Structures are given as structure tokens and as C-alpha cells.
């Protein structure tokens, strides 16, 4: 069985920073792609960033230059460093890891950007 635990969300002022973490534990052979999604109230879940096993990240246009996705394979963890946060970044952020060809979701962590 695999468990994902997210952390790092919270309330931050516009222009501030947060770092999200998502750690996987349990029966893990190999982690392929690692994703961060977000969902704001009344909106569909959207892909924010993805990093594959080759460590090449991809971002949605609205976060390019502000967010950085990274992974630590030794710790089975993916991170999302979020800088220059805007109110429109407010959402529940979910990690999704493809582990041994199966998709696993984190529980979500709330990010609120407000003055």
C-alpha cells in the first residue's frame, strides 16, 4: 500500500512564498511522473506542474517563472516552490504520483493568498 502526505500550505500575503511537499511511503519500486494540480472553488482541477523521471519540468503558463517543481528520489518526495504568489493562486493543491504504473493522489493542502 502507498500513502502520500502533503504539507506546506497556508495563508500568505500577495508576493509571498510557500513551499509544498508531498512524500510517498509504503510499497514503492519506482516513481515515474510527479504532478501538482490545484482546484479553486467552483473551478475544475488544473495541472500546475509536472516533473518526469528524467527531471525535466513543465509548467502551466500562468505560473512559469514563479513556481518551481523538484523531486528528491531518495526521499520519494516532490516539492513545489511557489514565489510571487497572487490571489488567483489560491486553491487546494494536490500532488499526484505515478508509482509502479499506478496513479496516487495526496489529500490536498489549502493555499490562500490574501492581504
Protein backbone atom coordinates (compact mmCIF):
# COMPACT_ATOMS: atom_id res chain seq x y z
CA UNK A 1 0.00 0.00 0.00
CA UNK A 2 1.14 3.53 -0.78
CA UNK A 3 0.41 6.70 1.17
CA UNK A 4 1.01 10.29 0.15
CA UNK A 5 1.28 13.05 2.72
CA UNK A 6 1.20 16.68 1.67
CA UNK A 7 2.36 19.64 3.73
CA UNK A 8 3.31 23.28 3.43
CA UNK A 9 0.06 25.06 2.61
CA UNK A 10 -1.21 28.09 4.45
CA UNK A 11 -2.15 31.75 4.31
CA UNK A 12 0.29 34.14 2.69
CA UNK A 13 0.16 37.74 1.50
CA UNK A 14 0.39 38.59 -2.21
CA UNK A 15 4.01 38.49 -3.30
CA UNK A 16 4.88 35.93 -0.65
CA UNK A 17 6.21 32.39 -0.94
CA UNK A 18 5.27 28.89 0.12
CA UNK A 19 6.87 25.51 -0.38
CA UNK A 20 4.65 22.46 -0.73
CA UNK A 21 5.90 18.94 -0.12
CA UNK A 22 4.41 15.56 -0.98
CA UNK A 23 6.06 12.48 0.47
CA UNK A 24 5.24 8.94 -0.57
CA UNK A 25 5.67 5.93 1.68
CA UNK A 26 4.86 2.24 1.58
CA UNK A 27 5.49 -0.35 -1.08
CA UNK A 28 7.34 1.62 -3.76
CA UNK A 29 9.53 0.27 -6.51
CA UNK A 30 9.75 3.23 -8.87
CA UNK A 31 8.13 6.65 -9.10
CA UNK A 32 7.67 7.88 -12.62
CA UNK A 33 6.00 11.25 -13.15
CA UNK A 34 5.17 13.59 -10.28
CA UNK A 35 2.42 16.18 -10.71
CA UNK A 36 0.99 19.14 -8.84
CA UNK A 37 -2.65 20.08 -9.53
CA UNK A 38 -4.86 22.72 -7.98
CA UNK A 39 -8.56 23.32 -7.67
CA UNK A 40 -10.18 26.61 -6.76
CA UNK A 41 -13.81 26.80 -5.55
CA UNK A 42 -16.22 26.41 -8.44
CA UNK A 43 -13.46 25.58 -10.91
CA UNK A 44 -12.10 22.42 -12.46
CA UNK A 45 -8.91 20.85 -11.21
CA UNK A 46 -5.99 22.06 -13.32
CA UNK A 47 -2.46 20.88 -13.85
CA UNK A 48 0.13 23.23 -12.37
CA UNK A 49 3.42 21.44 -12.98
CA UNK A 50 4.87 18.04 -13.76
CA UNK A 51 8.32 16.53 -13.47
CA UNK A 52 9.19 13.22 -15.05
CA UNK A 53 11.79 10.64 -14.11
CA UNK A 54 14.20 12.50 -16.39
CA UNK A 55 13.88 15.61 -14.18
CA UNK A 56 12.53 17.85 -16.95
CA UNK A 57 9.78 20.07 -15.54
CA UNK A 58 6.78 21.51 -17.36
CA UNK A 59 4.55 24.32 -16.08
CA UNK A 60 1.26 25.90 -16.93
CA UNK A 61 1.78 29.35 -18.43
CA UNK A 62 0.33 31.29 -15.51
CA UNK A 63 2.97 30.01 -13.06
CA UNK A 64 6.06 29.99 -15.29
CA UNK A 65 8.90 31.95 -13.73
CA UNK A 66 7.22 31.90 -10.29
CA UNK A 67 6.84 28.21 -9.40
CA UNK A 68 9.50 25.51 -9.36
CA UNK A 69 8.80 21.79 -9.16
CA UNK A 70 11.56 19.48 -7.97
CA UNK A 71 11.93 15.92 -6.77
CA UNK A 72 14.09 14.01 -4.30
CA UNK A 73 14.07 10.39 -5.38
CA UNK A 74 15.90 9.22 -2.27
CA UNK A 75 13.05 10.60 -0.14
CA UNK A 76 10.22 9.75 -2.58
CA UNK A 77 9.21 13.39 -2.34
CA UNK A 78 8.11 16.09 -4.75
CA UNK A 79 8.21 19.79 -3.93
CA UNK A 80 6.56 22.89 -5.31
CA UNK A 81 8.29 26.15 -4.52
CA UNK A 82 5.84 28.98 -5.10
CA UNK A 83 7.14 32.55 -5.24
CA UNK A 84 5.48 35.87 -6.07
CA UNK A 85 2.13 34.40 -5.13
CA UNK A 86 -1.04 36.05 -6.40
CA UNK A 87 -4.61 35.88 -5.11
CA UNK A 88 -5.53 33.82 -8.18
CA UNK A 89 -3.14 31.12 -6.99
CA UNK A 90 -5.46 30.41 -4.07
CA UNK A 91 -6.72 26.83 -4.28
CA UNK A 92 -6.39 23.38 -2.82
CA UNK A 93 -3.17 21.91 -4.18
CA UNK A 94 -2.95 18.16 -4.81
CA UNK A 95 0.04 16.04 -5.66
CA UNK A 96 -0.29 13.06 -7.94
CA UNK A 97 2.44 10.47 -8.24
CA UNK A 98 2.65 7.64 -10.74
CA UNK A 99 4.12 4.82 -8.67
CA UNK A 100 4.79 1.48 -10.30
CA UNK A 101 2.43 2.50 -13.13
CA UNK A 102 -0.43 3.37 -10.77
CA UNK A 103 -1.72 6.87 -10.03
CA UNK A 104 -1.90 8.04 -6.41
CA UNK A 105 -3.34 11.29 -5.06
CA UNK A 106 -2.41 13.28 -1.99
CA UNK A 107 -5.05 14.58 0.42
CA UNK A 108 -4.69 18.18 -0.70
CA UNK A 109 -3.36 21.25 1.06
CA UNK A 110 -5.01 24.66 1.12
CA UNK A 111 -3.13 27.66 -0.22
CA UNK A 112 -4.72 31.06 0.38
CA UNK A 113 -3.15 34.24 -0.96
CA UNK A 114 -4.75 37.28 0.59
CA UNK A 115 -3.89 40.56 2.25
